[in-house]
N, C-alpha and C. Protein backbone atom coordinates (compact mmCIF):
# COMPACT_ATOMS: atom_id res chain seq x y z
N MET A 1 75.75 89.86 137.30
CA MET A 1 77.09 89.36 136.70
C MET A 1 77.71 89.07 136.63
N GLU A 2 78.57 88.17 137.14
CA GLU A 2 80.30 88.73 137.33
C GLU A 2 81.02 87.91 136.28
N GLU A 3 82.32 89.47 136.45
CA GLU A 3 83.19 89.70 134.72
C GLU A 3 84.62 88.67 135.46
N HIS A 4 84.79 87.73 134.69
CA HIS A 4 85.91 86.96 134.74
C HIS A 4 87.73 87.17 134.39
N THR A 5 88.53 87.86 134.90
CA THR A 5 89.21 88.76 135.35
C THR A 5 90.75 87.87 134.49
N GLY A 6 90.54 86.54 134.49
CA GLY A 6 91.96 85.79 134.20
C GLY A 6 92.07 85.15 134.90
N LEU A 7 92.46 85.49 136.40
CA LEU A 7 92.99 85.36 137.78
C LEU A 7 92.28 84.01 138.56
N THR A 8 92.47 83.07 138.67
CA THR A 8 92.41 82.62 139.82
C THR A 8 92.40 82.46 141.14
N THR A 9 91.33 82.32 141.60
CA THR A 9 91.67 81.61 143.12
C THR A 9 90.85 80.50 143.88
N GLY A 10 91.89 80.77 144.93
CA GLY A 10 90.97 78.85 145.52
C GLY A 10 91.70 78.55 145.42
N ASN A 11 91.79 77.35 145.43
CA ASN A 11 92.34 75.60 145.19
C ASN A 11 92.71 75.62 143.49
N PRO A 12 94.10 74.95 143.15
CA PRO A 12 94.11 74.22 141.95
C PRO A 12 92.68 73.72 141.32
N PRO A 13 92.85 73.53 139.69
CA PRO A 13 92.14 72.45 139.02
C PRO A 13 92.46 71.16 139.87
N GLU A 14 91.51 70.42 139.33
CA GLU A 14 91.53 68.97 139.79
C GLU A 14 92.98 68.67 138.88
N GLY A 15 93.01 67.96 139.48
CA GLY A 15 94.40 66.68 139.22
C GLY A 15 95.25 67.51 138.82
N HIS A 16 95.26 69.31 139.48
CA HIS A 16 97.13 69.83 138.50
C HIS A 16 98.08 69.77 139.31
N TRP A 17 98.28 69.09 141.21
CA TRP A 17 99.72 68.50 141.36
C TRP A 17 99.38 67.13 141.14
N LYS A 18 99.24 66.27 140.86
CA LYS A 18 98.98 64.68 139.55
C LYS A 18 100.24 64.88 138.86
N GLU A 19 98.92 65.69 137.62
CA GLU A 19 100.35 66.43 135.97
C GLU A 19 101.25 67.13 136.80
N ARG A 20 101.60 67.96 137.57
CA ARG A 20 102.94 69.02 137.63
C ARG A 20 103.69 67.21 138.71
N GLU A 21 103.16 66.34 139.40
CA GLU A 21 104.84 65.77 139.85
C GLU A 21 104.44 64.05 138.41
N ARG A 22 104.23 64.27 137.83
CA ARG A 22 103.77 63.34 136.41
C ARG A 22 104.98 63.78 135.28
N ARG A 23 105.14 65.22 135.53
CA ARG A 23 106.31 65.94 134.90
C ARG A 23 107.53 66.16 135.11
N LEU A 24 107.82 66.52 136.43
CA LEU A 24 108.67 66.78 137.17
C LEU A 24 108.98 65.59 138.00
N TRP A 25 108.46 64.10 138.15
CA TRP A 25 109.08 62.78 138.44
C TRP A 25 110.78 62.85 137.30
N PRO A 26 110.89 62.71 136.10
CA PRO A 26 111.73 62.05 135.04
C PRO A 26 113.03 63.31 135.02
N LEU A 27 112.95 64.77 135.36
CA LEU A 27 113.21 65.34 135.45
C LEU A 27 114.68 64.93 136.86
N ALA A 28 113.62 64.27 137.95
CA ALA A 28 113.94 64.53 139.08
C ALA A 28 115.05 63.23 139.23
N LEU A 29 114.56 62.53 138.32
CA LEU A 29 115.23 61.00 137.83
C LEU A 29 116.98 61.42 137.37
N ARG A 30 116.24 62.13 135.90
CA ARG A 30 118.01 62.24 135.07
C ARG A 30 118.47 63.34 136.35
N GLY A 31 118.39 63.79 136.94
CA GLY A 31 118.82 64.73 137.49
C GLY A 31 119.81 63.88 139.02
N THR A 32 118.86 63.31 139.91
CA THR A 32 119.96 62.56 140.85
C THR A 32 120.77 61.20 139.91
N THR A 33 120.43 61.05 138.90
CA THR A 33 121.05 59.78 138.04
C THR A 33 122.45 60.76 137.02
N ARG A 34 122.36 61.73 136.80
CA ARG A 34 123.55 62.63 136.23
C ARG A 34 124.33 62.86 137.73
N ALA A 35 123.99 63.51 139.16
CA ALA A 35 124.42 63.72 139.44
C ALA A 35 124.90 62.31 140.47
N ALA A 36 124.87 61.14 140.43
CA ALA A 36 125.62 60.33 141.14
C ALA A 36 126.66 60.00 139.74
N LEU A 37 127.04 59.95 138.45
CA LEU A 37 127.10 60.41 137.26
C LEU A 37 129.19 60.90 137.81
N PHE A 38 127.84 62.48 137.73
CA PHE A 38 129.34 63.77 138.20
C PHE A 38 130.03 63.11 139.14
N SER A 39 129.60 62.76 140.32
CA SER A 39 129.67 62.49 141.72
C SER A 39 130.91 61.12 141.33
N SER A 40 130.76 60.50 140.76
CA SER A 40 131.64 59.21 140.21
C SER A 40 132.76 59.95 139.79
N PHE A 41 132.56 60.31 138.60
CA PHE A 41 133.81 60.86 137.66
C PHE A 41 135.00 62.04 138.68
N TRP A 42 134.22 62.55 139.96
CA TRP A 42 134.72 63.13 140.27
C TRP A 42 135.67 62.43 141.41
N TRP A 43 135.16 61.34 142.11
CA TRP A 43 135.33 60.31 142.81
C TRP A 43 136.36 59.44 142.45
N VAL A 44 136.75 59.26 141.20
CA VAL A 44 137.83 59.03 140.38
C VAL A 44 138.48 59.72 139.86
N LEU A 45 138.92 61.17 139.90
CA LEU A 45 139.11 61.77 139.30
C LEU A 45 140.44 62.07 140.91
N SER A 46 139.56 62.50 141.97
CA SER A 46 140.45 62.79 142.88
C SER A 46 140.49 61.79 144.09
N SER A 47 140.89 60.90 143.35
CA SER A 47 141.92 59.35 144.27
C SER A 47 140.41 59.19 145.30
N GLY A 48 138.91 59.41 145.46
CA GLY A 48 139.17 58.93 147.09
C GLY A 48 138.64 60.19 148.63
N ASP A 49 139.43 61.38 147.96
CA ASP A 49 140.06 62.42 148.72
C ASP A 49 138.74 63.24 149.18
N ARG A 50 138.31 62.59 150.73
CA ARG A 50 136.92 63.45 151.17
C ARG A 50 137.29 65.06 151.00
N GLU A 51 138.55 65.91 151.11
CA GLU A 51 139.03 67.00 151.67
C GLU A 51 138.22 67.63 149.88
N SER A 52 138.58 67.15 148.91
CA SER A 52 138.10 67.32 147.50
C SER A 52 136.40 67.90 147.09
N TRP A 53 136.05 67.11 148.15
CA TRP A 53 134.26 67.67 148.08
C TRP A 53 134.15 69.01 148.26
N VAL A 54 135.08 69.38 148.92
CA VAL A 54 134.81 71.27 149.05
C VAL A 54 134.91 71.31 147.76
N ILE A 55 135.29 71.61 146.35
CA ILE A 55 135.65 71.74 145.51
C ILE A 55 134.49 70.68 144.51
N GLY A 56 134.51 69.61 145.12
CA GLY A 56 133.76 68.86 144.37
C GLY A 56 132.18 69.24 144.20
N GLY A 57 131.90 68.96 145.77
CA GLY A 57 130.70 68.99 145.19
C GLY A 57 129.62 70.47 145.03
N PRO A 58 129.99 71.48 144.70
CA PRO A 58 129.69 72.76 144.21
C PRO A 58 129.46 72.15 142.82
N VAL A 59 130.97 71.73 142.18
CA VAL A 59 131.57 71.97 140.80
C VAL A 59 130.13 70.19 140.21
N VAL A 60 130.40 69.47 140.53
CA VAL A 60 129.21 68.62 140.65
C VAL A 60 127.94 69.25 140.05
N LEU A 61 127.13 69.92 141.59
CA LEU A 61 125.83 70.22 141.60
C LEU A 61 126.11 71.79 140.35
N PHE A 62 126.97 71.37 140.11
CA PHE A 62 127.29 72.95 138.42
C PHE A 62 126.93 72.17 137.32
N ALA A 63 127.65 71.18 137.31
CA ALA A 63 127.49 69.84 136.49
C ALA A 63 126.45 69.46 136.02
N THR A 64 125.80 69.02 136.95
CA THR A 64 124.39 68.51 136.64
C THR A 64 123.35 69.39 136.30
N ALA A 65 123.42 71.35 137.31
CA ALA A 65 122.34 71.87 136.45
C ALA A 65 122.95 72.13 135.13
N SER A 66 123.77 72.49 134.83
CA SER A 66 124.17 73.20 133.79
C SER A 66 123.45 71.68 132.83
N SER A 67 123.91 70.36 132.61
CA SER A 67 124.03 69.62 131.58
C SER A 67 122.27 69.19 131.80
N LEU A 68 121.14 69.37 132.61
CA LEU A 68 119.98 69.46 132.57
C LEU A 68 119.11 70.50 131.75
N LEU A 69 119.94 72.00 131.97
CA LEU A 69 119.33 73.47 131.57
C LEU A 69 119.90 72.75 129.69
N LEU A 70 121.03 72.04 129.52
CA LEU A 70 121.11 72.21 128.26
C LEU A 70 120.35 71.10 127.72
N SER A 71 120.00 70.00 128.36
CA SER A 71 119.36 69.29 127.33
C SER A 71 118.04 69.35 127.25
N TYR A 72 117.29 70.06 128.37
CA TYR A 72 115.79 70.70 127.79
C TYR A 72 115.10 70.74 126.66
N GLY A 73 114.15 70.15 126.41
CA GLY A 73 113.22 69.99 125.57
C GLY A 73 114.09 69.92 124.11
N ALA A 74 115.42 68.93 124.64
CA ALA A 74 115.95 68.48 123.37
C ALA A 74 115.14 67.11 122.70
N ARG A 75 114.58 67.41 121.55
CA ARG A 75 113.79 66.21 120.80
C ARG A 75 114.39 64.85 120.63
N HIS A 76 116.03 64.42 120.76
CA HIS A 76 116.62 64.02 120.50
C HIS A 76 117.53 64.07 121.97
N ARG A 77 117.79 62.17 122.39
CA ARG A 77 117.93 62.44 123.64
C ARG A 77 118.41 60.50 123.21
N TRP A 78 119.13 59.99 123.36
CA TRP A 78 120.47 58.48 124.01
C TRP A 78 120.26 58.19 124.47
N ARG A 79 120.38 56.59 124.52
CA ARG A 79 120.06 55.95 125.49
C ARG A 79 122.03 54.73 125.75
N LEU A 80 121.47 54.47 126.51
CA LEU A 80 122.81 53.93 127.86
C LEU A 80 123.00 52.96 127.46
N THR A 81 122.44 51.80 126.62
CA THR A 81 123.36 50.87 126.06
C THR A 81 123.44 50.94 124.21
N GLY A 82 122.70 52.11 123.77
CA GLY A 82 123.68 52.82 122.52
C GLY A 82 125.16 52.88 122.81
N LEU A 83 124.84 53.81 123.96
CA LEU A 83 126.00 54.60 123.94
C LEU A 83 127.97 53.47 124.54
N LEU A 84 126.89 52.03 124.93
CA LEU A 84 127.84 51.36 125.72
C LEU A 84 128.20 50.95 124.63
N SER A 85 128.06 50.51 123.04
CA SER A 85 127.93 50.06 121.96
C SER A 85 128.95 50.79 121.49
N PHE A 86 128.26 52.15 121.57
CA PHE A 86 129.59 53.07 120.72
C PHE A 86 130.98 53.64 121.33
N MET A 87 130.80 52.84 122.79
CA MET A 87 132.63 53.17 123.44
C MET A 87 133.27 52.72 122.27
N PRO A 88 133.02 51.26 122.21
CA PRO A 88 134.31 50.70 121.32
C PRO A 88 134.48 50.67 120.26
N PHE A 89 133.45 51.78 119.42
CA PHE A 89 133.78 51.75 118.07
C PHE A 89 134.64 52.68 118.32
N PHE A 90 134.16 53.61 119.22
CA PHE A 90 134.11 55.44 119.10
C PHE A 90 136.51 55.10 119.33
N LEU A 91 136.69 54.32 120.31
CA LEU A 91 137.88 53.49 120.84
C LEU A 91 139.07 53.11 119.95
N TRP A 92 138.59 52.33 119.24
CA TRP A 92 138.46 51.04 118.26
C TRP A 92 138.97 52.51 116.68
N ARG A 93 137.91 53.03 116.68
CA ARG A 93 138.23 54.09 115.77
C ARG A 93 138.57 55.37 115.76
N SER A 94 139.58 55.56 116.87
CA SER A 94 140.35 56.70 117.77
C SER A 94 141.56 55.86 117.39
N PHE A 95 142.24 54.63 117.79
CA PHE A 95 143.43 54.33 118.13
C PHE A 95 143.72 54.38 116.03
N CYS A 96 142.33 53.76 115.45
CA CYS A 96 142.86 52.98 114.00
C CYS A 96 143.64 54.71 113.49
N GLY A 97 142.66 55.98 113.95
CA GLY A 97 142.98 57.12 112.97
C GLY A 97 144.26 57.18 113.58
N SER A 98 144.62 57.74 114.68
CA SER A 98 146.37 57.57 115.32
C SER A 98 147.28 57.04 114.51
N ILE A 99 146.96 55.50 114.13
CA ILE A 99 147.98 55.00 114.28
C ILE A 99 147.70 55.18 112.39
N ASP A 100 146.94 55.10 111.52
CA ASP A 100 147.02 55.94 110.06
C ASP A 100 147.27 56.40 110.16
N VAL A 101 146.99 58.23 110.69
CA VAL A 101 148.18 59.21 110.57
C VAL A 101 149.61 59.24 110.15
N ALA A 102 149.36 58.88 111.39
CA ALA A 102 150.71 58.44 112.08
C ALA A 102 151.90 57.74 111.55
N ARG A 103 150.92 56.70 110.42
CA ARG A 103 152.04 55.78 109.39
C ARG A 103 152.27 56.73 108.04
N ARG A 104 151.00 57.44 107.99
CA ARG A 104 151.46 58.07 107.22
C ARG A 104 152.32 59.31 106.63
N ALA A 105 152.73 59.99 107.98
CA ALA A 105 153.49 60.72 108.44
C ALA A 105 154.99 60.09 108.44
N LEU A 106 154.87 59.14 108.27
CA LEU A 106 155.99 58.60 109.16
C LEU A 106 156.82 57.84 107.63
N HIS A 107 156.19 57.94 106.60
CA HIS A 107 156.27 57.25 105.29
C HIS A 107 157.21 58.12 104.37
N PRO A 108 158.09 57.73 103.63
CA PRO A 108 158.93 58.82 103.12
C PRO A 108 158.20 59.01 102.03
N ARG A 109 157.07 58.65 101.20
CA ARG A 109 156.17 59.08 100.18
C ARG A 109 154.53 59.51 100.23
N MET A 110 154.95 59.55 101.88
CA MET A 110 153.85 59.90 102.47
C MET A 110 152.09 60.14 101.25
N LEU A 111 152.14 59.11 101.52
CA LEU A 111 150.77 58.42 101.08
C LEU A 111 150.14 58.60 100.87
N LEU A 112 149.25 60.15 100.68
CA LEU A 112 148.61 61.86 100.58
C LEU A 112 147.86 61.73 98.93
N GLU A 113 146.95 61.52 98.94
CA GLU A 113 145.87 61.99 97.94
C GLU A 113 144.35 62.62 98.57
N PRO A 114 144.53 63.74 98.66
CA PRO A 114 143.84 64.62 99.23
C PRO A 114 142.72 65.31 98.93
N ALA A 115 141.46 65.44 99.79
CA ALA A 115 140.64 65.69 98.60
C ALA A 115 139.20 65.65 99.52
N PHE A 116 138.31 66.88 99.12
CA PHE A 116 136.55 67.06 99.75
C PHE A 116 136.10 66.28 99.41
N MET A 117 134.85 65.28 100.06
CA MET A 117 134.33 65.49 99.09
C MET A 117 132.97 65.54 100.92
N GLU A 118 131.52 65.43 100.04
CA GLU A 118 130.40 66.01 100.43
C GLU A 118 129.58 64.63 100.62
N TYR A 119 128.87 64.39 102.53
CA TYR A 119 128.51 63.06 102.38
C TYR A 119 126.59 63.67 102.99
N SER A 120 125.46 63.16 102.28
CA SER A 120 124.40 63.32 102.53
C SER A 120 124.15 62.62 104.07
N VAL A 121 123.50 63.62 104.78
CA VAL A 121 123.71 62.93 106.15
C VAL A 121 122.44 62.67 106.16
N GLY A 122 121.44 61.44 106.78
CA GLY A 122 120.24 60.98 107.19
C GLY A 122 119.84 61.30 108.04
N LEU A 123 120.57 61.74 108.94
CA LEU A 123 120.35 62.25 110.66
C LEU A 123 119.29 63.24 111.10
N PRO A 124 118.57 62.85 111.30
CA PRO A 124 117.65 64.50 111.64
C PRO A 124 118.66 65.63 112.43
N ASP A 125 118.17 66.84 111.95
CA ASP A 125 118.85 68.14 112.16
C ASP A 125 118.47 67.92 114.12
N GLY A 126 120.00 68.76 113.75
CA GLY A 126 120.21 68.96 116.45
C GLY A 126 121.47 67.71 116.45
N ALA A 127 121.08 68.20 117.35
CA ALA A 127 121.83 66.54 118.56
C ALA A 127 122.75 65.06 117.29
N PRO A 128 121.45 64.91 116.60
CA PRO A 128 122.18 63.19 115.90
C PRO A 128 122.67 64.16 115.25
N ARG A 129 122.61 64.39 114.28
CA ARG A 129 123.56 65.39 112.83
C ARG A 129 124.99 65.85 113.11
N LEU A 130 124.79 66.74 114.36
CA LEU A 130 126.01 67.51 115.32
C LEU A 130 127.14 66.25 115.78
N PHE A 131 125.88 65.54 116.13
CA PHE A 131 127.14 64.60 116.95
C PHE A 131 128.03 63.57 116.17
N MET A 132 127.14 63.26 114.82
CA MET A 132 128.07 62.95 114.16
C MET A 132 129.68 63.33 113.65
N ALA A 133 128.99 65.04 112.61
CA ALA A 133 130.08 65.74 112.45
C ALA A 133 130.86 65.71 112.95
N ASN A 134 130.91 66.10 115.15
CA ASN A 134 132.71 65.89 115.05
C ASN A 134 132.87 65.10 115.27
N VAL A 135 132.43 63.50 115.32
CA VAL A 135 132.81 62.44 115.51
C VAL A 135 133.24 61.67 113.83
N VAL A 136 133.12 62.90 112.69
CA VAL A 136 133.73 62.35 111.74
C VAL A 136 135.27 62.83 111.70
N SER A 137 136.11 63.58 112.68
CA SER A 137 137.72 63.37 112.70
C SER A 137 137.91 62.28 113.28
N LEU A 138 137.94 61.39 114.41
CA LEU A 138 137.98 59.98 114.05
C LEU A 138 138.59 59.34 113.48
N LEU A 139 137.62 58.94 112.33
CA LEU A 139 137.69 58.57 111.34
C LEU A 139 139.35 58.43 110.39
N PRO A 140 139.94 57.96 110.05
CA PRO A 140 141.36 57.48 109.78
C PRO A 140 140.86 58.56 108.46
N GLY A 141 142.21 59.46 108.51
CA GLY A 141 142.38 60.26 107.46
C GLY A 141 140.82 61.42 106.92
N THR A 142 140.22 61.60 107.85
CA THR A 142 138.85 62.16 107.44
C THR A 142 138.87 64.30 108.95
N LEU A 143 138.45 64.69 108.40
CA LEU A 143 137.75 66.02 108.70
C LEU A 143 137.18 66.42 108.73
N SER A 144 135.65 66.91 109.92
CA SER A 144 135.06 67.35 108.79
C SER A 144 135.00 68.86 109.42
N VAL A 145 134.20 69.34 107.76
CA VAL A 145 134.38 70.57 107.69
C VAL A 145 133.61 71.87 107.60
N GLU A 146 132.34 71.12 107.33
CA GLU A 146 130.79 71.84 106.73
C GLU A 146 130.19 71.10 107.37
N LEU A 147 128.92 71.65 107.99
CA LEU A 147 127.39 70.75 108.35
C LEU A 147 126.39 72.11 107.30
N ARG A 148 125.54 71.97 106.61
CA ARG A 148 125.24 73.00 106.02
C ARG A 148 123.73 71.68 105.13
N GLY A 149 122.64 71.92 106.64
CA GLY A 149 121.80 71.24 106.23
C GLY A 149 121.67 69.77 106.27
N GLY A 150 121.70 69.54 105.92
CA GLY A 150 122.02 68.10 105.31
C GLY A 150 123.37 67.13 104.52
N CYS A 151 124.00 68.30 104.11
CA CYS A 151 125.33 67.73 103.84
C CYS A 151 127.06 68.48 104.72
N LEU A 152 127.25 66.98 105.03
CA LEU A 152 128.51 67.12 105.32
C LEU A 152 129.51 66.55 105.23
N LYS A 153 130.70 67.83 104.70
CA LYS A 153 131.79 68.49 103.56
C LYS A 153 133.05 67.49 104.98
N VAL A 154 133.14 67.02 104.01
CA VAL A 154 134.71 65.95 105.30
C VAL A 154 136.26 66.12 104.37
N HIS A 155 137.21 65.98 104.36
CA HIS A 155 138.27 67.11 104.06
C HIS A 155 139.24 65.16 104.81
N VAL A 156 139.76 64.81 103.08
CA VAL A 156 140.19 63.32 103.50
C VAL A 156 141.54 63.27 102.96
N LEU A 157 142.19 62.77 104.12
CA LEU A 157 143.82 62.96 103.45
C LEU A 157 144.06 61.35 102.02
N ASP A 158 142.92 60.51 101.69
CA ASP A 158 143.07 59.77 100.66
C ASP A 158 142.23 59.35 99.97
N VAL A 159 141.40 59.80 98.64
CA VAL A 159 140.29 59.38 98.35
C VAL A 159 140.28 57.91 98.04
N LYS A 160 141.14 57.07 97.77
CA LYS A 160 141.22 56.01 98.05
C LYS A 160 140.51 54.96 98.32
N ALA A 161 140.38 55.55 100.12
CA ALA A 161 140.21 55.65 101.41
C ALA A 161 138.44 55.46 101.34
N PRO A 162 138.39 53.98 101.74
CA PRO A 162 137.01 53.87 102.19
C PRO A 162 136.58 54.77 102.71
N VAL A 163 136.42 55.77 102.33
CA VAL A 163 135.99 56.69 103.37
C VAL A 163 133.32 56.71 103.76
N PHE A 164 133.44 56.55 102.46
CA PHE A 164 131.69 56.36 102.48
C PHE A 164 131.53 55.34 103.04
N ASP A 165 132.39 54.29 103.19
CA ASP A 165 131.42 53.29 104.21
C ASP A 165 131.40 53.80 105.84
N GLU A 166 132.72 54.23 105.41
CA GLU A 166 133.20 54.11 106.94
C GLU A 166 132.42 55.39 107.90
N LEU A 167 131.51 56.44 106.77
CA LEU A 167 130.06 57.44 106.93
C LEU A 167 129.34 56.44 107.39
N GLN A 168 128.64 55.97 106.66
CA GLN A 168 127.63 55.13 106.56
C GLN A 168 128.17 54.40 107.85
N SER A 169 128.68 54.15 108.12
CA SER A 169 129.10 52.96 109.26
C SER A 169 128.53 54.26 111.04
N LEU A 170 129.48 54.53 111.14
CA LEU A 170 129.23 55.94 111.98
C LEU A 170 127.65 55.98 112.04
N GLU A 171 126.77 56.50 111.24
CA GLU A 171 126.01 57.31 110.83
C GLU A 171 125.11 55.99 111.52
N SER A 172 125.05 55.08 111.22
CA SER A 172 124.34 54.04 111.39
C SER A 172 123.89 53.48 113.00
N ARG A 173 125.43 53.32 113.55
CA ARG A 173 125.69 53.16 115.27
C ARG A 173 125.94 55.25 115.87
N VAL A 174 125.49 55.90 115.29
CA VAL A 174 125.19 57.55 115.95
C VAL A 174 122.96 57.19 115.97
N ALA A 175 122.60 56.87 114.89
CA ALA A 175 120.84 56.40 114.92
C ALA A 175 120.96 54.87 115.93
N ASP A 176 121.78 54.50 115.85
CA ASP A 176 121.91 53.78 117.30
C ASP A 176 121.93 54.12 118.40
N LEU A 177 122.64 54.80 118.81
CA LEU A 177 122.85 55.96 120.11
C LEU A 177 121.28 56.37 120.30
N PHE A 178 121.03 57.50 119.15
CA PHE A 178 119.99 58.24 119.82
C PHE A 178 118.16 57.34 119.14
N VAL A 179 119.09 56.13 119.02
CA VAL A 179 117.55 55.40 119.33
C VAL A 179 116.56 56.12 118.00
N LEU A 180 117.68 55.90 116.54
CA LEU A 180 116.69 56.62 115.55
C LEU A 180 116.44 55.06 114.42
N GLU A 181 115.29 55.38 113.24
CA GLU A 181 115.63 53.77 113.14
C GLU A 181 115.41 54.46 111.50
N PRO A 182 115.90 54.17 110.77
CA PRO A 182 116.01 54.51 109.15
C PRO A 182 114.72 53.57 108.71
N THR A 183 114.05 55.14 108.43
CA THR A 183 112.80 54.90 107.24
C THR A 183 112.67 54.94 105.84
N ARG A 184 113.84 55.40 105.67
CA ARG A 184 113.51 55.04 104.05
C ARG A 184 115.23 55.32 103.53
N ARG A 185 114.63 54.54 102.24
CA ARG A 185 116.34 54.95 101.81
C ARG A 185 116.42 55.97 100.38
N VAL A 186 117.41 56.77 99.83
CA VAL A 186 117.25 58.13 99.42
C VAL A 186 119.00 57.74 98.48
N GLY A 187 118.80 58.33 97.30
CA GLY A 187 119.42 58.25 96.67
C GLY A 187 120.56 56.61 96.33
N SER A 188 121.83 57.76 96.61
CA SER A 188 123.04 56.20 96.06
C SER A 188 123.24 55.07 97.80
N GLY A 189 122.14 54.25 98.12
CA GLY A 189 122.40 53.93 99.51
C GLY A 189 123.06 54.34 100.96
N GLU A 190 122.20 56.11 100.51
CA GLU A 190 121.84 56.53 101.59
C GLU A 190 120.76 55.56 103.11
N ARG A 191 120.70 56.43 103.71
CA ARG A 191 119.32 56.06 104.71
C ARG A 191 119.23 57.40 105.55
N ARG A 192 118.01 57.93 105.27
CA ARG A 192 117.19 58.67 106.10
C ARG A 192 116.48 58.07 107.84
N TYR A 193 116.64 59.16 108.66
CA TYR A 193 117.01 58.03 110.08
C TYR A 193 115.53 59.24 110.40
N ASP A 194 114.67 59.16 111.50
CA ASP A 194 113.74 59.71 111.99
C ASP A 194 113.64 59.03 113.68
């Protein structure tokens, strides 16, 4: 009687290489896409100077490897079309936020009525929720203070401003960026995303 030691010898099981190729192909595609994107960034930053690639080559390789390692096993991925629709919103809200803060700072009566508010975030835990918490500071007169579970604490410069509506709009755009669909309504019109 032959005793099984748990070690295998000889050829791998049928379909082993096909399964391995099936898992590695998306990783290779993401790596190539990111390397091309980072190379394009470097080319723009260096004004197309070929001699800069002595530094740029290792930087691009490091950036590509880091981005792949940091996204490994991520549950939520963003999509390019979501990013393209988010960028105009991001730029416009950044512009509006800076104008609003400048107006308040230069106004003789400083139109301020600061307060803290809590917003129940319907996005799933992880990248979507963290991304939203970080982008909140771009909205006019808001600053993300704390994210604990599904509750986002926000400092606002004026409690009369439509901050809740702005947060809902941002949450909807972040959900679109991460390809999340609203699943149910909770409480006062807030949505949960899966």
